[in-house]
Structure formats: structure tokens, C-alpha cells
Amino acid sequence: MDNKKYTHCGLNVALTILSGKWKPLILYHLFQHPEMRFTELWRIIPKVAKKVLLDQLKQLENDELIIREEKSGFPPEVSYRVSEKGRALGPAFVVLETWANEYATEKVEVFEKTARNKSGRL
């Protein structure tokens, strides 16, 4: 099979854009909140390094899935929200979550337990 012909298929492009350990989780949290500051995202996602989170946010912004807004003041406030293009991914996330809850129940339970232990909430 010639894998090169699948390089630019829609699914491969979508998965490449969403690839990254934290991107789906970042989007998940931004779907839940209309706007989140960097520190809020950093606190709610257990074990992510600030630099890695910043890199993943920049990639999501470059792919136009999120919007970064800087508010002047001291110190300057930076917040993020899902763009219209990013919102279009919402139904796909719902389908993926439904699938995981039905077919990967054990892994979902481990993930929720780990997240609860790390952050004290889910």
C-alpha cells in the first residue's frame, strides 16, 4: 500500500492538526468555558508544563481553532476562547467522548480518577 497518497486526506489532516498530548484536552476545557486565562488552563490540566501548554496553545491559534486575546493592564491578561472554526469540531468531540464512554470504559475511569487525584476536581 502506498501511504503517500493518504498524506493529504481529510482525516489525516484533521488528526495532524489535533495531534499533541494536550490539544484535545485544551479544546475540551475551552468548549466548557466561554473564555479561559492561561493560568486557569494550566491549573486545570494536570502535569502540563507551562512551556508545553504555551506551545500547544500557539499551534491551536496558528491553526485558527482558538483565539488569543491580550488585555492591557498590569500585568497584561491573556485569555483564550474557541473560534468559530474550532466550534465546528464540537460534534466530533461529542462523538469521540460517547465512543470512549461506551467502548473504553476502563480507560475513561482511570483517566477520571487520575485527573481527580491531581487537581482535586474533574
Protein backbone atom coordinates (compact mmCIF):
# COMPACT_ATOMS: atom_id res chain seq x y z
CA MET A 1 0.00 0.00 0.00
CA ASP A 2 1.28 3.44 -0.92
CA ASN A 3 0.89 5.57 2.22
CA LYS A 4 1.95 8.75 0.39
CA LYS A 5 -1.42 9.02 -1.32
CA TYR A 6 -3.11 9.31 2.11
CA THR A 7 -0.88 12.14 3.34
CA HIS A 8 -3.38 14.83 2.41
CA CYS A 9 -6.65 13.03 3.11
CA GLY A 10 -9.04 14.98 5.33
CA LEU A 11 -8.83 12.62 8.30
CA ASN A 12 -5.03 12.69 8.29
CA VAL A 13 -5.02 16.49 8.12
CA ALA A 14 -7.53 16.75 10.99
CA LEU A 15 -5.59 14.31 13.17
CA THR A 16 -2.33 16.13 12.41
CA ILE A 17 -3.86 19.46 13.45
CA LEU A 18 -5.21 17.91 16.67
CA SER A 19 -2.08 15.89 17.40
CA GLY A 20 -0.31 16.76 20.58
CA LYS A 21 -0.77 15.38 24.04
CA TRP A 22 -2.71 18.38 25.34
CA LYS A 23 -4.56 19.86 22.35
CA PRO A 24 -7.75 17.79 22.70
CA LEU A 25 -7.85 18.47 26.44
CA ILE A 26 -7.28 22.20 25.91
CA LEU A 27 -10.13 22.31 23.41
CA TYR A 28 -12.34 20.24 25.72
CA HIS A 29 -11.92 22.76 28.53
CA LEU A 30 -12.39 25.73 26.21
CA PHE A 31 -15.63 24.16 24.95
CA GLN A 32 -16.81 24.12 28.58
CA HIS A 33 -15.93 27.76 29.30
CA PRO A 34 -16.51 30.74 27.02
CA GLU A 35 -13.08 32.13 27.88
CA MET A 36 -10.15 30.95 29.98
CA ARG A 37 -6.95 32.61 31.09
CA PHE A 38 -3.64 30.86 30.62
CA THR A 39 -3.23 30.24 34.35
CA GLU A 40 -6.72 28.70 34.56
CA LEU A 41 -5.88 26.27 31.77
CA TRP A 42 -2.53 25.47 33.34
CA ARG A 43 -4.13 24.70 36.71
CA ILE A 44 -6.98 22.61 35.33
CA ILE A 45 -4.75 20.38 33.18
CA PRO A 46 -2.68 18.21 35.48
CA LYS A 47 1.02 17.71 34.81
CA VAL A 48 1.39 20.01 31.81
CA ALA A 49 4.48 22.21 31.78
CA LYS A 50 3.86 25.92 31.14
CA LYS A 51 6.13 25.94 28.08
CA VAL A 52 4.40 22.90 26.58
CA LEU A 53 0.97 24.40 27.22
CA LEU A 54 2.06 27.66 25.62
CA ASP A 55 3.41 25.80 22.57
CA GLN A 56 0.19 23.82 22.17
CA LEU A 57 -1.90 26.99 22.51
CA LYS A 58 0.22 28.72 19.85
CA GLN A 59 -0.27 25.78 17.48
CA LEU A 60 -4.04 25.82 18.05
CA GLU A 61 -4.04 29.57 17.44
CA ASN A 62 -1.97 29.18 14.24
CA ASP A 63 -4.47 26.58 13.01
CA GLU A 64 -7.25 29.10 13.85
CA LEU A 65 -9.03 26.78 16.29
CA ILE A 66 -8.70 29.20 19.19
CA ILE A 67 -8.45 32.96 19.59
CA ARG A 68 -5.88 34.54 21.88
CA GLU A 69 -6.86 37.87 23.36
CA GLU A 70 -4.47 40.10 25.25
CA LYS A 71 -6.00 42.69 27.55
CA SER A 72 -3.87 45.62 28.51
CA GLY A 73 -3.15 46.28 32.13
CA PHE A 74 -0.55 45.37 34.63
CA PRO A 75 0.18 42.56 34.46
CA PRO A 76 -1.30 42.03 30.97
CA GLU A 77 -4.06 39.41 30.90
CA VAL A 78 -4.13 36.78 28.19
CA SER A 79 -7.23 34.72 27.60
CA TYR A 80 -8.26 32.10 25.09
CA ARG A 81 -11.54 31.08 23.53
CA VAL A 82 -12.63 28.69 20.82
CA SER A 83 -13.00 30.23 17.37
CA GLU A 84 -15.93 29.53 15.05
CA LYS A 85 -13.69 27.12 13.14
CA GLY A 86 -12.84 25.37 16.42
CA ARG A 87 -16.50 25.23 17.47
CA ALA A 88 -17.19 23.24 14.32
CA LEU A 89 -15.18 20.43 15.96
CA GLY A 90 -17.66 20.24 18.85
CA PRO A 91 -19.84 17.48 17.35
CA ALA A 92 -16.74 15.39 16.58
CA PHE A 93 -15.61 15.71 20.21
CA VAL A 94 -19.06 14.62 21.42
CA VAL A 95 -18.94 11.55 19.17
CA LEU A 96 -15.41 10.68 20.36
CA GLU A 97 -16.39 11.10 24.01
CA THR A 98 -19.50 8.97 23.53
CA TRP A 99 -17.42 6.29 21.82
CA ALA A 100 -14.85 6.29 24.65
CA ASN A 101 -17.55 6.09 27.32
CA GLU A 102 -19.06 3.08 25.56
CA TYR A 103 -16.02 1.18 24.30
CA ALA A 104 -13.13 2.26 26.50
CA THR A 105 -14.90 2.48 29.86
CA GLU A 106 -11.94 1.21 31.91
CA LYS A 107 -9.58 3.79 30.45
CA VAL A 108 -12.10 6.59 30.98
CA GLU A 109 -12.46 5.59 34.64
CA VAL A 110 -8.67 5.54 35.14
CA PHE A 111 -8.36 8.94 33.43
CA GLU A 112 -11.10 10.48 35.59
CA LYS A 113 -9.61 9.04 38.78
CA THR A 114 -6.13 10.30 37.88
CA ALA A 115 -7.46 13.77 36.96
CA ARG A 116 -9.43 13.97 40.22
CA ASN A 117 -6.38 12.98 42.27
CA LYS A 118 -4.13 15.53 40.56
CA SER A 119 -6.43 18.53 40.57
CA GLY A 120 -8.92 17.71 43.29
CA ARG A 121 -11.71 18.08 40.77
CA LEU A 122 -12.67 16.97 37.31
